[in-house]
Amino acid sequence: MNALTPPTQPVQVITAGAGSGKTYAITTILKDAVDAGVPPEAIIATTFTKKAAAELSHRVQLRLLEGGRVYEAAALPDSLIGTVNSVCGRLLSDYAFEAGLSPALNVLSDGEQVSVFRRAIGPIIEHYAEDIEPIAARLSLIEPPGARTKADREKDWRDHVFDTVQGVRNNLLDDAMIDQSCERSVSSLLDLLPAPMAIDPEHLDEALHKAIAQALTNIGDGDGTKTTKDALKSLREAARSIEGDEGLPYAKWVSLAKIKASRPYNKFLDPVRAAARVYDSHPRLRQDLKAYIELCFSCAKAALHAYRALKAREGLLDFCDQETLTYELLAQPAICQALSSRIRLMVVDEFQDTSPIQLALFTRLAGCAGRSAWVGDPKQAIYGFRGTDPELMNAAVNVLGLDPKNVLRQSRRSRPPLVQLANWLFTPAFGANGMPEDRVRLEPVRHEDPGFAAPVHVWSPSSARADNRLEEIAGEIVDLLNNPDRMPVKDAVTEQMRPCRPGDIAVLCRQNDTLEKLAGCLSRRGVRVAVEWAGLLQTDEARLAVAALRYLLSADDTLAVAQILHLTGEGQNSDWLYEWLSEGQDKSWKNDPRIVRLDAARANLITMTPREAMDAAIGEAQVVRSVASWPFATQRLANLDALRALVGKYEEHCRSARLAGTTQGLVSWLNEIERDPKANQQPAAAGDDAVTLVTYHGAKGLEWPIVVLTELSYNALDKTAKRMFGAKVCSDGPDFDLAAPLKGRHIRLWPWPFAAHKTVEGVTDTLISSEAYRLAHDLSFREEIRLLYVGVTRARDYIVFTGQRPDEPGDEAAKSPTPWLDLLGNHATRLFALPPSGCSLLSLTDGDIEVETRVLAGNGAAYDVAQHRYLAELPEGEGPWYKPMRLAPSSATGTPAPADHLRVDDLGQRLLHKSSMDDFDRIGSAIHAYLGAENRSAPVEDRLDLAFALTQRWGVENALKLPDLVTASDRLHTFLVGRYGGYAVLREWPVHRRDADGQEMVGYIDMLVEHEGGIAIIDHKSFPGGEAQWRSKAASYAPQLQAYKVVVEEATGRPVTDLLIHMPIAGAIVHL
């Protein structure tokens, strides 16, 4: 790992508390820089999301236009404003040759990266599984059948490998560092266990087996009670496991050490409990943990090499590659010097959410830029689970220094009482962690309007069951919506007071399961919710759009017709389908205007991309018009947009996999992902008529007039011990070196061998007393404070705390129902317990604020459906049909050549190959690449080396013989010499033409042959069919080559004498 050069110019660190105008501050920095003469193209600004980048660019342009800088506003797209990965991609493209890359980078999306990674490591996983799985079975680290999500199971060993790989890549660890991480992981984990017993592991297994057998004999059939039945079942299962090949899992040893039966039989289990209690000092446990860790690291290292090799072979990069390669690129002095003259300003937004590799990258970029500004809020660093490291960023800020003038101190979001509440709650909490008061406390800019109700509300559900409490919260939200004057809000646009609406309310939940349950409670009461749901492709609107696409694809798909008619209400009569299918019925549906339009559009399908085909299907079938008249139209229209976004992902998938994207392929792909809940999500369609449901993490960066905080009973610190296990990134100490920000980082892999057991006698106590636990507990504590801060500061006008009040108010020993809130105290007293019913004032250190408390009860009221609003009906009319703006030559339309009369020249015998039909895309690409890149005058050895490299890259080295590629080139040359005599070749020649209608054709001609009589156009087609099919196959490409002919003749003024299809595998030239 190369050390960084510390920034030559100071980095300006700006901290911006919640609602303090961070985005405005960034736009001011950018606008002032342009005003001072910095050209837009000399600016780099990184954001966390594409949406944030677009918003930032828009705001800067508006402010430049307001200042009369029209030229600079128009030139702003020349700047590098975007996500970290888009900025890295631009730099790598600009300096591709220096980085040893192609300028045309093929970057994998997140989803494709996982798919390609799994494809690369499949053989590696299969190889290591034989050794790892017997051990993983004893450690309970194999995914059980039927496990639905990660929340339902412990980590599988493959997850440990994947997480280790991610940690290695995000922290730039080399092979030596991986080996050191492995050694440290083994030694540190074994230090937590007692010394192993000096006895053969088999003897311990046999002792337990005998104790189990004796207990089964003594208990017999038992007394039929559930306790005894469960004990007998556990004993029998354990006996079978001990007798099996893999042995008894250690989690079962723990269970047997605590096994119980009803009183008459419990004494017979004493020998079992005694024999099982040796689990923590069992010699095999230490052996298995050591072997498991070493095998996982070895597998991770092999997986990394396999993944790199596959990406190099197929010319792929992922987001982490972009960051790593840019980091390495900046190590070149010439590049840094070039960037120093090019970049005048670099701005980093949301610096607290920076990953370790991004920190290293930003630090190096700061050494190149004339000026750097990092803007963010360490109090909102809540994405540690995504690979960010808040502690690393805090260390960087401490080294860089923070000028008090660069702390934004005014809250522009919230009412004064809410700012006062946040100051009271969090100033001491963050201060206990070393953050000065002036970085926490904010001053309100807004003035208190007399029309507001109490700023703080407490809703106390009365039910003891969690699901019932959600029903009570839903009932209270409905009551608020039916009586909206209870909480009047200030409209963000008009700045006038008005009654609240559903879109003013956001409910924050800690867990996704809670979101789904609460969404169901509200939906049953008639309240539309904005939340991500599974099942996008199962919705009626998506089914209608896909049915229209299927019919556009094939007029024979009458099932699609039936779905279109049924979903749009054409089949109101219950017998309509039977009547339609009855013999003798005419096809009256053919006259349906939508069907007529789809039939007419089918002629243009060959020129459409998959995205254009979906848009055409939606438009011609009038899907939007139909959906706009259905209930919850806003959500349904958002679902159609999400469906179109899925089509874009399909096209990305095709680009990454180097497959041809087709409409038929799209339909098949949609059928596949319909079974994937993650890929098949309905979006959260916010609007005035929908209550927003979101997790605390998902709420970051957003705001609402009314925010309801739920799950304050969540106690993450109880899970500290369990969260220490798995693959974690660790740092050696608090010292931070700006020249080497990743120094001292390593991966700690600790597998938890006891499955769902939260506490294990003899292990948990040792773990809790360890230094590693103390560090993990402190990190969890600080993260919980930050997450709660994010939740509290989302509210503009009102905040609602939900939770049961303590059983005995004032009794500090009483168990708190809100342990998350209790973290704000000093561990001895609660800073903020939910006030009792009837309380009207909350006393803070700097004054009182009004509070309203309500004890909730079962409320079955429904929301007044009459308040739902629908979109106006769209105007009638078919609308014009527009040609695509760009046309690929392969999509050109025209009359195919008459196949029977085509001339064929035989080049020689068929080239030998062995492959499945699925390989032909890659075989064709390899042959195409060779014919486009080879130099016939080079020595044969060099030509064979090129053939080897290209077949390796395309993964077809076993399907093609290397000399065959040389032969294909040689016999094409022989043909050209025989036909034209002397000739000159232009390979992969770009063409670009705009016709009279403004339609553009952009493409590449495989081979242009200049000869005395004019120009010949050759297109390589690796068609594997027999001689009887050559002419018909070649004839189908006639429109494409005719399009090329028009471009070439217009551009050169010379005649195109021949249009030739070269079939290198078949050994033929077909004249069109």
Foldseek 3Di string as FASTA:
>chain_A
DAFFDFAPAFAAEFEEAFQLCQLVVVLVVVLVCVVVPDQLLQEAEADAAQVVLVVSLVVNLVVCVVVVNNVSNVCNVNHHGYHPLSSLLVLCLVCVVLLVAHNPAQAADPVVLVVLLCVLLVVLCVVLCVPQVLLCVLLLQDDDPPQDDCVRFPHHLVVLLVVQLVLCLLLVNDPVQLVVQLVVQLVVQLVLFDAADPDDLVVLLVQLLVLLVQLCVVQPPHDPDPLAVVLVVLSVVQNVQCVDDSHHHLLSLLCLLVRAHPDVSRVSSVSNNVSSLSSRNRVVVSVSQSVNSVSSSVSSVVSVVSSVLLCVLQNYHYSSRSLVSLLVSLVDPVSLQVSLVRHAEYEYEAVLQDALSRLSNVSSVSNSYNYYYYYYHLLQNQVVVVRHDNLLVVLVCVVSDHDLVSYSAERAFAEQVLLVVQLQLPLVLVVVVPDHSSNRRHHYPDYDDPLFDFFEEEEEEDDPDPLVSLLLVLLVVQVCQVVQSNGWFQDPVVRHTDGAFQLQEEEADADPVSLVSSCVSNVVQVAAAQDKDFQLCVDLLNLLLLLLLVCLQPVPPVVSVVSNCVSLVVPVDPCVVVVCPDPPDDPPVCPVQLNVQSVVCSVQQLFDFLLVSSVSSCQSSVSLLSLLPDPPSLLSVQSSVLVSVVSVVQVSSCSSVVHDGHNVVVSVVVVVCSPPRVSRMRGRRRDRRHHYYYHLSRCFPAAGQEYEYDPLLDDCLLCLLVVLARKDKDADDSDADSRHSSPRIHIRHHRNSNIPDSDRPSNNVSSCPDPSSVVSSVVVLSSLSSSVSSRSSRHHRHYYYYYHFFPDPPPQPTDASRVSQQSSDPVRGRPDTPDDAPDFWDQGPVGIGGYHYDHTDNRSHHRDNVPRDGDDRDDDDSDDDDDDQEGELQSFDDAFDPLVPWDKDFLDAFFAWDDDPVLVSLVLVLLLVLLQDDDLVDDPVVSLVSSCSSCSSSVRPRGHDSVLSVSLNVSVVVVCCVVANDKDKDAQQWFWDADPVNRIYTGTFGIWIQGDQFIEGEDEDQDQDDPVCVSVVVRSSVSSVVVVQVRVCVVPVTHHDWYWYRHSRRRMIITD
